[in-house]
Amino acid sequence: MIKTPKIKAMNTIDWIGSVAATLTTTAFIPQAWKVWHTKHTADISLGMYALFTLGVALWLSYGILLASWPIIIANCITLLLAGAVLVMKIKFG
């Protein structure tokens, strides 16, 4: 007999995680946008963004190991945004 996977409804914990992930991820959009347009990175700490980007990559790994979609999706997007700011900091320095 073939078993079909059950789709679990989002509970309160999942909703809180999803909202938190959405807020913390979208918080990086204005910074990435501003750096992209101004090419000004003098006030951005290279050390902070390097450590933060590494931390986000580890959070992404953690989310993958847990199979937690709110963690995976948020940290994929945050990794792209923070990584972009980090690359622009190195490039425009």
PDB file of N, CA and C in Angstrom:
ATOM      1  N   MET A   1       0.843  -1.183   0.000  1.00  0.00           N
ATOM      2  CA  MET A   1       0.000   0.000   0.000  1.00  0.00           C
ATOM      3  C   MET A   1       0.887   1.245   0.000  1.00  0.00           C
ATOM      4  N   ILE A   2       0.543   2.164  -0.829  1.00  0.00           N
ATOM      5  CA  ILE A   2       1.297   3.411  -0.938  1.00  0.00           C
ATOM      6  C   ILE A   2       0.727   4.422   0.055  1.00  0.00           C
ATOM      7  N   LYS A   3       1.631   4.968   0.857  1.00  0.00           N
ATOM      8  CA  LYS A   3       1.211   5.980   1.823  1.00  0.00           C
ATOM      9  C   LYS A   3       1.509   7.362   1.253  1.00  0.00           C
ATOM     10  N   THR A   4       0.529   8.213   1.321  1.00  0.00           N
ATOM     11  CA  THR A   4       0.743   9.588   0.879  1.00  0.00           C
ATOM     12  C   THR A   4       1.122  10.420   2.096  1.00  0.00           C
ATOM     13  N   PRO A   5       2.057  11.342   1.912  1.00  0.00           N
ATOM     14  CA  PRO A   5       2.443  12.174   3.062  1.00  0.00           C
ATOM     15  C   PRO A   5       1.299  13.067   3.494  1.00  0.00           C
ATOM     16  N   LYS A   6       1.177  13.194   4.795  1.00  0.00           N
ATOM     17  CA  LYS A   6       0.140  14.078   5.336  1.00  0.00           C
ATOM     18  C   LYS A   6       0.673  15.497   5.362  1.00  0.00           C
ATOM     19  N   ILE A   7      -0.149  16.422   4.924  1.00  0.00           N
ATOM     20  CA  ILE A   7       0.223  17.830   4.961  1.00  0.00           C
ATOM     21  C   ILE A   7      -0.236  18.390   6.295  1.00  0.00           C
ATOM     22  N   LYS A   8       0.724  18.884   7.028  1.00  0.00           N
ATOM     23  CA  LYS A   8       0.448  19.392   8.364  1.00  0.00           C
ATOM     24  C   LYS A   8       0.027  20.855   8.285  1.00  0.00           C
ATOM     25  N   ALA A   9      -1.032  21.190   8.968  1.00  0.00           N
ATOM     26  CA  ALA A   9      -1.475  22.588   9.028  1.00  0.00           C
ATOM     27  C   ALA A   9      -0.486  23.379   9.872  1.00  0.00           C
ATOM     28  N   MET A  10      -0.318  24.651   9.521  1.00  0.00           N
ATOM     29  CA  MET A  10       0.593  25.491  10.292  1.00  0.00           C
ATOM     30  C   MET A  10      -0.007  25.772  11.665  1.00  0.00           C
ATOM     31  N   ASN A  11       0.792  25.505  12.697  1.00  0.00           N
ATOM     32  CA  ASN A  11       0.338  25.811  14.045  1.00  0.00           C
ATOM     33  C   ASN A  11       0.855  27.184  14.462  1.00  0.00           C
ATOM     34  N   THR A  12       0.555  27.582  15.669  1.00  0.00           N
ATOM     35  CA  THR A  12       0.952  28.904  16.159  1.00  0.00           C
ATOM     36  C   THR A  12       2.467  29.082  16.117  1.00  0.00           C
ATOM     37  N   ILE A  13       3.215  28.056  16.471  1.00  0.00           N
ATOM     38  CA  ILE A  13       4.676  28.143  16.463  1.00  0.00           C
ATOM     39  C   ILE A  13       5.184  28.372  15.049  1.00  0.00           C
ATOM     40  N   ASP A  14       4.615  27.668  14.074  1.00  0.00           N
ATOM     41  CA  ASP A  14       5.013  27.868  12.679  1.00  0.00           C
ATOM     42  C   ASP A  14       4.691  29.286  12.200  1.00  0.00           C
ATOM     43  N   TRP A  15       3.538  29.801  12.605  1.00  0.00           N
ATOM     44  CA  TRP A  15       3.159  31.162  12.207  1.00  0.00           C
ATOM     45  C   TRP A  15       4.119  32.191  12.802  1.00  0.00           C
ATOM     46  N   ILE A  16       4.448  32.020  14.083  1.00  0.00           N
ATOM     47  CA  ILE A  16       5.390  32.942  14.725  1.00  0.00           C
ATOM     48  C   ILE A  16       6.735  32.887  14.014  1.00  0.00           C
ATOM     49  N   GLY A  17       7.223  31.690  13.742  1.00  0.00           N
ATOM     50  CA  GLY A  17       8.488  31.531  13.025  1.00  0.00           C
ATOM     51  C   GLY A  17       8.446  32.145  11.642  1.00  0.00           C
ATOM     52  N   SER A  18       7.342  31.959  10.945  1.00  0.00           N
ATOM     53  CA  SER A  18       7.209  32.514   9.596  1.00  0.00           C
ATOM     54  C   SER A  18       7.170  34.041   9.605  1.00  0.00           C
ATOM     55  N   VAL A  19       6.442  34.619  10.543  1.00  0.00           N
ATOM     56  CA  VAL A  19       6.377  36.081  10.637  1.00  0.00           C
ATOM     57  C   VAL A  19       7.742  36.645  11.036  1.00  0.00           C
ATOM     58  N   ALA A  20       8.392  36.018  12.016  1.00  0.00           N
ATOM     59  CA  ALA A  20       9.731  36.467  12.433  1.00  0.00           C
ATOM     60  C   ALA A  20      10.711  36.372  11.269  1.00  0.00           C
ATOM     61  N   ALA A  21      10.667  35.276  10.536  1.00  0.00           N
ATOM     62  CA  ALA A  21      11.558  35.088   9.390  1.00  0.00           C
ATOM     63  C   ALA A  21      11.298  36.141   8.318  1.00  0.00           C
ATOM     64  N   THR A  22      10.039  36.439   8.068  1.00  0.00           N
ATOM     65  CA  THR A  22       9.686  37.443   7.068  1.00  0.00           C
ATOM     66  C   THR A  22      10.199  38.823   7.477  1.00  0.00           C
ATOM     67  N   LEU A  23      10.001  39.187   8.726  1.00  0.00           N
ATOM     68  CA  LEU A  23      10.434  40.507   9.197  1.00  0.00           C
ATOM     69  C   LEU A  23      11.951  40.648   9.181  1.00  0.00           C
ATOM     70  N   THR A  24      12.662  39.653   9.706  1.00  0.00           N
ATOM     71  CA  THR A  24      14.121  39.772   9.765  1.00  0.00           C
ATOM     72  C   THR A  24      14.748  39.679   8.382  1.00  0.00           C
ATOM     73  N   THR A  25      14.129  38.960   7.479  1.00  0.00           N
ATOM     74  CA  THR A  25      14.638  38.867   6.111  1.00  0.00           C
ATOM     75  C   THR A  25      14.398  40.160   5.350  1.00  0.00           C
ATOM     76  N   THR A  26      13.195  40.687   5.415  1.00  0.00           N
ATOM     77  CA  THR A  26      12.893  41.912   4.677  1.00  0.00           C
ATOM     78  C   THR A  26      13.640  43.115   5.244  1.00  0.00           C
ATOM     79  N   ALA A  27      14.119  43.019   6.484  1.00  0.00           N
ATOM     80  CA  ALA A  27      14.896  44.112   7.070  1.00  0.00           C
ATOM     81  C   ALA A  27      16.183  44.371   6.290  1.00  0.00           C
ATOM     82  N   PHE A  28      16.679  43.389   5.556  1.00  0.00           N
ATOM     83  CA  PHE A  28      17.922  43.561   4.802  1.00  0.00           C
ATOM     84  C   PHE A  28      17.705  44.182   3.427  1.00  0.00           C
ATOM     85  N   ILE A  29      16.502  44.219   2.952  1.00  0.00           N
ATOM     86  CA  ILE A  29      16.244  44.761   1.617  1.00  0.00           C
ATOM     87  C   ILE A  29      16.646  46.233   1.510  1.00  0.00           C
ATOM     88  N   PRO A  30      16.258  47.113   2.455  1.00  0.00           N
ATOM     89  CA  PRO A  30      16.665  48.521   2.318  1.00  0.00           C
ATOM     90  C   PRO A  30      18.183  48.713   2.294  1.00  0.00           C
ATOM     91  N   GLN A  31      18.916  47.950   3.107  1.00  0.00           N
ATOM     92  CA  GLN A  31      20.378  48.087   3.129  1.00  0.00           C
ATOM     93  C   GLN A  31      20.984  47.644   1.807  1.00  0.00           C
ATOM     94  N   ALA A  32      20.573  46.497   1.316  1.00  0.00           N
ATOM     95  CA  ALA A  32      21.100  45.990   0.045  1.00  0.00           C
ATOM     96  C   ALA A  32      20.750  46.952  -1.093  1.00  0.00           C
ATOM     97  N   TRP A  33      19.532  47.466  -1.085  1.00  0.00           N
ATOM     98  CA  TRP A  33      19.081  48.402  -2.123  1.00  0.00           C
ATOM     99  C   TRP A  33      19.902  49.685  -2.097  1.00  0.00           C
ATOM    100  N   LYS A  34      20.111  50.229  -0.892  1.00  0.00           N
ATOM    101  CA  LYS A  34      20.863  51.474  -0.760  1.00  0.00           C
ATOM    102  C   LYS A  34      22.311  51.303  -1.215  1.00  0.00           C
ATOM    103  N   VAL A  35      22.949  50.226  -0.786  1.00  0.00           N
ATOM    104  CA  VAL A  35      24.340  49.987  -1.188  1.00  0.00           C
ATOM    105  C   VAL A  35      24.419  49.779  -2.694  1.00  0.00           C
ATOM    106  N   TRP A  36      23.480  49.068  -3.256  1.00  0.00           N
ATOM    107  CA  TRP A  36      23.461  48.820  -4.706  1.00  0.00           C
ATOM    108  C   TRP A  36      23.407  50.129  -5.479  1.00  0.00           C
ATOM    109  N   HIS A  37      22.557  51.043  -5.022  1.00  0.00           N
ATOM    110  CA  HIS A  37      22.372  52.305  -5.744  1.00  0.00           C
ATOM    111  C   HIS A  37      23.455  53.344  -5.467  1.00  0.00           C
ATOM    112  N   THR A  38      23.925  53.424  -4.235  1.00  0.00           N
ATOM    113  CA  THR A  38      24.898  54.459  -3.888  1.00  0.00           C
ATOM    114  C   THR A  38      26.345  54.002  -4.044  1.00  0.00           C
ATOM    115  N   LYS A  39      26.564  52.706  -4.009  1.00  0.00           N
ATOM    116  CA  LYS A  39      27.923  52.132  -4.026  1.00  0.00           C
ATOM    117  C   LYS A  39      28.742  52.605  -2.819  1.00  0.00           C
ATOM    118  N   HIS A  40      28.076  53.138  -1.793  1.00  0.00           N
ATOM    119  CA  HIS A  40      28.742  53.647  -0.604  1.00  0.00           C
ATOM    120  C   HIS A  40      28.700  52.583   0.493  1.00  0.00           C
ATOM    121  N   THR A  41      29.880  52.117   0.909  1.00  0.00           N
ATOM    122  CA  THR A  41      29.947  51.072   1.933  1.00  0.00           C
ATOM    123  C   THR A  41      30.887  51.435   3.082  1.00  0.00           C
ATOM    124  N   ALA A  42      31.360  52.666   3.106  1.00  0.00           N
ATOM    125  CA  ALA A  42      32.348  53.065   4.116  1.00  0.00           C
ATOM    126  C   ALA A  42      31.845  52.866   5.546  1.00  0.00           C
ATOM    127  N   ASP A  43      30.560  53.054   5.766  1.00  0.00           N
ATOM    128  CA  ASP A  43      30.015  52.942   7.122  1.00  0.00           C
ATOM    129  C   ASP A  43      29.561  51.533   7.484  1.00  0.00           C
ATOM    130  N   ILE A  44      29.779  50.592   6.605  1.00  0.00           N
ATOM    131  CA  ILE A  44      29.379  49.207   6.852  1.00  0.00           C
ATOM    132  C   ILE A  44      30.598  48.430   7.339  1.00  0.00           C
ATOM    133  N   SER A  45      30.426  47.699   8.418  1.00  0.00           N
ATOM    134  CA  SER A  45      31.522  46.922   8.989  1.00  0.00           C
ATOM    135  C   SER A  45      31.728  45.624   8.207  1.00  0.00           C
ATOM    136  N   LEU A  46      32.918  45.466   7.655  1.00  0.00           N
ATOM    137  CA  LEU A  46      33.249  44.241   6.923  1.00  0.00           C
ATOM    138  C   LEU A  46      33.206  43.034   7.859  1.00  0.00           C
ATOM    139  N   GLY A  47      33.773  43.190   9.045  1.00  0.00           N
ATOM    140  CA  GLY A  47      33.776  42.089  10.012  1.00  0.00           C
ATOM    141  C   GLY A  47      32.374  41.645  10.396  1.00  0.00           C
ATOM    142  N   MET A  48      31.506  42.619  10.653  1.00  0.00           N
ATOM    143  CA  MET A  48      30.128  42.296  11.043  1.00  0.00           C
ATOM    144  C   MET A  48      29.418  41.549   9.933  1.00  0.00           C
ATOM    145  N   TYR A  49      29.532  42.032   8.699  1.00  0.00           N
ATOM    146  CA  TYR A  49      28.833  41.375   7.593  1.00  0.00           C
ATOM    147  C   TYR A  49      29.424  40.013   7.275  1.00  0.00           C
ATOM    148  N   ALA A  50      30.738  39.855   7.433  1.00  0.00           N
ATOM    149  CA  ALA A  50      31.363  38.543   7.201  1.00  0.00           C
ATOM    150  C   ALA A  50      30.863  37.534   8.231  1.00  0.00           C
ATOM    151  N   LEU A  51      30.870  37.921   9.512  1.00  0.00           N
ATOM    152  CA  LEU A  51      30.385  37.023  10.562  1.00  0.00           C
ATOM    153  C   LEU A  51      28.888  36.756  10.421  1.00  0.00           C
ATOM    154  N   PHE A  52      28.135  37.798  10.115  1.00  0.00           N
ATOM    155  CA  PHE A  52      26.692  37.643   9.964  1.00  0.00           C
ATOM    156  C   PHE A  52      26.361  36.690   8.813  1.00  0.00           C
ATOM    157  N   THR A  53      27.041  36.868   7.677  1.00  0.00           N
ATOM    158  CA  THR A  53      26.784  36.019   6.514  1.00  0.00           C
ATOM    159  C   THR A  53      27.130  34.562   6.830  1.00  0.00           C
ATOM    160  N   LEU A  54      28.226  34.336   7.538  1.00  0.00           N
ATOM    161  CA  LEU A  54      28.580  32.980   7.961  1.00  0.00           C
ATOM    162  C   LEU A  54      27.517  32.419   8.898  1.00  0.00           C
ATOM    163  N   GLY A  55      27.051  33.245   9.832  1.00  0.00           N
ATOM    164  CA  GLY A  55      25.993  32.814  10.745  1.00  0.00           C
ATOM    165  C   GLY A  55      24.711  32.443  10.013  1.00  0.00           C
ATOM    166  N   VAL A  56      24.337  33.237   9.025  1.00  0.00           N
ATOM    167  CA  VAL A  56      23.135  32.940   8.237  1.00  0.00           C
ATOM    168  C   VAL A  56      23.310  31.629   7.468  1.00  0.00           C
ATOM    169  N   ALA A  57      24.499  31.404   6.934  1.00  0.00           N
ATOM    170  CA  ALA A  57      24.762  30.140   6.231  1.00  0.00           C
ATOM    171  C   ALA A  57      24.609  28.960   7.189  1.00  0.00           C
ATOM    172  N   LEU A  58      25.055  29.126   8.425  1.00  0.00           N
ATOM    173  CA  LEU A  58      24.888  28.060   9.418  1.00  0.00           C
ATOM    174  C   LEU A  58      23.428  27.877   9.811  1.00  0.00           C
ATOM    175  N   TRP A  59      22.683  28.988   9.931  1.00  0.00           N
ATOM    176  CA  TRP A  59      21.246  28.880  10.193  1.00  0.00           C
ATOM    177  C   TRP A  59      20.538  28.140   9.062  1.00  0.00           C
ATOM    178  N   LEU A  60      20.959  28.423   7.835  1.00  0.00           N
ATOM    179  CA  LEU A  60      20.382  27.725   6.686  1.00  0.00           C
ATOM    180  C   LEU A  60      20.664  26.231   6.793  1.00  0.00           C
ATOM    181  N   SER A  61      21.883  25.871   7.129  1.00  0.00           N
ATOM    182  CA  SER A  61      22.239  24.457   7.300  1.00  0.00           C
ATOM    183  C   SER A  61      21.391  23.819   8.396  1.00  0.00           C
ATOM    184  N   TYR A  62      21.222  24.530   9.486  1.00  0.00           N
ATOM    185  CA  TYR A  62      20.402  24.064  10.599  1.00  0.00           C
ATOM    186  C   TYR A  62      18.955  23.833  10.148  1.00  0.00           C
ATOM    187  N   GLY A  63      18.416  24.787   9.401  1.00  0.00           N
ATOM    188  CA  GLY A  63      17.057  24.646   8.893  1.00  0.00           C
ATOM    189  C   GLY A  63      16.911  23.461   7.959  1.00  0.00           C
ATOM    190  N   ILE A  64      17.918  23.225   7.128  1.00  0.00           N
ATOM    191  CA  ILE A  64      17.881  22.082   6.216  1.00  0.00           C
ATOM    192  C   ILE A  64      17.900  20.783   7.017  1.00  0.00           C
ATOM    193  N   LEU A  65      18.763  20.719   8.027  1.00  0.00           N
ATOM    194  CA  LEU A  65      18.834  19.507   8.851  1.00  0.00           C
ATOM    195  C   LEU A  65      17.527  19.240   9.599  1.00  0.00           C
ATOM    196  N   LEU A  66      16.833  20.298   9.985  1.00  0.00           N
ATOM    197  CA  LEU A  66      15.538  20.154  10.665  1.00  0.00           C
ATOM    198  C   LEU A  66      14.372  20.020   9.694  1.00  0.00           C
ATOM    199  N   ALA A  67      14.627  20.285   8.419  1.00  0.00           N
ATOM    200  CA  ALA A  67      13.569  20.334   7.402  1.00  0.00           C
ATOM    201  C   ALA A  67      12.506  21.359   7.786  1.00  0.00           C
ATOM    202  N   SER A  68      12.971  22.515   8.277  1.00  0.00           N
ATOM    203  CA  SER A  68      12.076  23.588   8.710  1.00  0.00           C
ATOM    204  C   SER A  68      12.007  24.653   7.621  1.00  0.00           C
ATOM    205  N   TRP A  69      10.898  24.662   6.883  1.00  0.00           N
ATOM    206  CA  TRP A  69      10.770  25.574   5.749  1.00  0.00           C
ATOM    207  C   TRP A  69      10.849  27.046   6.114  1.00  0.00           C
ATOM    208  N   PRO A  70      10.275  27.498   7.236  1.00  0.00           N
ATOM    209  CA  PRO A  70      10.438  28.921   7.569  1.00  0.00           C
ATOM    210  C   PRO A  70      11.912  29.295   7.735  1.00  0.00           C
ATOM    211  N   ILE A  71      12.699  28.444   8.364  1.00  0.00           N
ATOM    212  CA  ILE A  71      14.126  28.714   8.559  1.00  0.00           C
ATOM    213  C   ILE A  71      14.865  28.637   7.233  1.00  0.00           C
ATOM    214  N   ILE A  72      14.549  27.647   6.424  1.00  0.00           N
ATOM    215  CA  ILE A  72      15.232  27.461   5.138  1.00  0.00           C
ATOM    216  C   ILE A  72      14.974  28.636   4.204  1.00  0.00           C
ATOM    217  N   ILE A  73      13.718  28.971   3.994  1.00  0.00           N
ATOM    218  CA  ILE A  73      13.365  30.037   3.046  1.00  0.00           C
ATOM    219  C   ILE A  73      13.929  31.380   3.499  1.00  0.00           C
ATOM    220  N   ALA A  74      13.716  31.716   4.774  1.00  0.00           N
ATOM    221  CA  ALA A  74      14.190  33.008   5.272  1.00  0.00           C
ATOM    222  C   ALA A  74      15.703  33.121   5.157  1.00  0.00           C
ATOM    223  N   ASN A  75      16.403  32.074   5.514  1.00  0.00           N
ATOM    224  CA  ASN A  75      17.856  32.167   5.495  1.00  0.00           C
ATOM    225  C   ASN A  75      18.437  32.067   4.090  1.00  0.00           C
ATOM    226  N   CYS A  76      17.750  31.439   3.160  1.00  0.00           N
ATOM    227  CA  CYS A  76      18.184  31.490   1.753  1.00  0.00           C
ATOM    228  C   CYS A  76      18.143  32.932   1.252  1.00  0.00           C
ATOM    229  N   ILE A  77      17.037  33.598   1.510  1.00  0.00           N
ATOM    230  CA  ILE A  77      16.875  34.973   1.051  1.00  0.00           C
ATOM    231  C   ILE A  77      17.839  35.902   1.787  1.00  0.00           C
ATOM    232  N   THR A  78      17.935  35.750   3.111  1.00  0.00           N
ATOM    233  CA  THR A  78      18.835  36.586   3.894  1.00  0.00           C
ATOM    234  C   THR A  78      20.282  36.363   3.484  1.00  0.00           C
ATOM    235  N   LEU A  79      20.652  35.122   3.195  1.00  0.00           N
ATOM    236  CA  LEU A  79      22.013  34.824   2.746  1.00  0.00           C
ATOM    237  C   LEU A  79      22.316  35.536   1.435  1.00  0.00           C
ATOM    238  N   LEU A  80      21.354  35.555   0.527  1.00  0.00           N
ATOM    239  CA  LEU A  80      21.546  36.277  -0.734  1.00  0.00           C
ATOM    240  C   LEU A  80      21.707  37.777  -0.499  1.00  0.00           C
ATOM    241  N   LEU A  81      20.855  38.356   0.339  1.00  0.00           N
ATOM    242  CA  LEU A  81      20.908  39.798   0.591  1.00  0.00           C
ATOM    243  C   LEU A  81      22.165  40.196   1.363  1.00  0.00           C
ATOM    244  N   ALA A  82      22.445  39.502   2.460  1.00  0.00           N
ATOM    245  CA  ALA A  82      23.631  39.826   3.259  1.00  0.00           C
ATOM    246  C   ALA A  82      24.898  39.520   2.469  1.00  0.00           C
ATOM    247  N   GLY A  83      24.875  38.433   1.707  1.00  0.00           N
ATOM    248  CA  GLY A  83      26.021  38.102   0.869  1.00  0.00           C
ATOM    249  C   GLY A  83      26.260  39.154  -0.197  1.00  0.00           C
ATOM    250  N   ALA A  84      25.183  39.690  -0.749  1.00  0.00           N
ATOM    251  CA  ALA A  84      25.313  40.746  -1.756  1.00  0.00           C
ATOM    252  C   ALA A  84      25.929  41.993  -1.145  1.00  0.00           C
ATOM    253  N   VAL A  85      25.489  42.368   0.052  1.00  0.00           N
ATOM    254  CA  VAL A  85      26.061  43.537   0.732  1.00  0.00           C
ATOM    255  C   VAL A  85      27.536  43.270   1.048  1.00  0.00           C
ATOM    256  N   LEU A  86      27.862  42.066   1.481  1.00  0.00           N
ATOM    257  CA  LEU A  86      29.249  41.715   1.777  1.00  0.00           C
ATOM    258  C   LEU A  86      30.121  41.821   0.538  1.00  0.00           C
ATOM    259  N   VAL A  87      29.636  41.288  -0.573  1.00  0.00           N
ATOM    260  CA  VAL A  87      30.393  41.369  -1.829  1.00  0.00           C
ATOM    261  C   VAL A  87      30.563  42.827  -2.253  1.00  0.00           C
ATOM    262  N   MET A  88      29.505  43.625  -2.139  1.00  0.00           N
ATOM    263  CA  MET A  88      29.615  45.040  -2.515  1.00  0.00           C
ATOM    264  C   MET A  88      30.560  45.779  -1.566  1.00  0.00           C
ATOM    265  N   LYS A  89      30.573  45.415  -0.291  1.00  0.00           N
ATOM    266  CA  LYS A  89      31.508  46.028   0.661  1.00  0.00           C
ATOM    267  C   LYS A  89      32.938  45.727   0.222  1.00  0.00           C
ATOM    268  N   ILE A  90      33.227  44.493  -0.173  1.00  0.00           N
ATOM    269  CA  ILE A  90      34.556  44.115  -0.611  1.00  0.00           C
ATOM    270  C   ILE A  90      34.896  44.823  -1.927  1.00  0.00           C
ATOM    271  N   LYS A  91      33.919  44.883  -2.832  1.00  0.00           N
ATOM    272  CA  LYS A  91      34.163  45.480  -4.150  1.00  0.00           C
ATOM    273  C   LYS A  91      34.287  47.005  -4.081  1.00  0.00           C
ATOM    274  N   PHE A  92      33.376  47.665  -3.377  1.00  0.00           N
ATOM    275  CA  PHE A  92      33.342  49.125  -3.342  1.00  0.00           C
ATOM    276  C   PHE A  92      34.116  49.709  -2.168  1.00  0.00           C
ATOM    277  N   GLY A  93      34.424  48.842  -1.170  1.00  0.00           N
ATOM    278  CA  GLY A  93      35.135  49.103   0.041  1.00  0.00           C
ATOM    279  C   GLY A  93      35.440  50.426   0.457  1.00  0.00           C
TER     280      GLY A  93
END
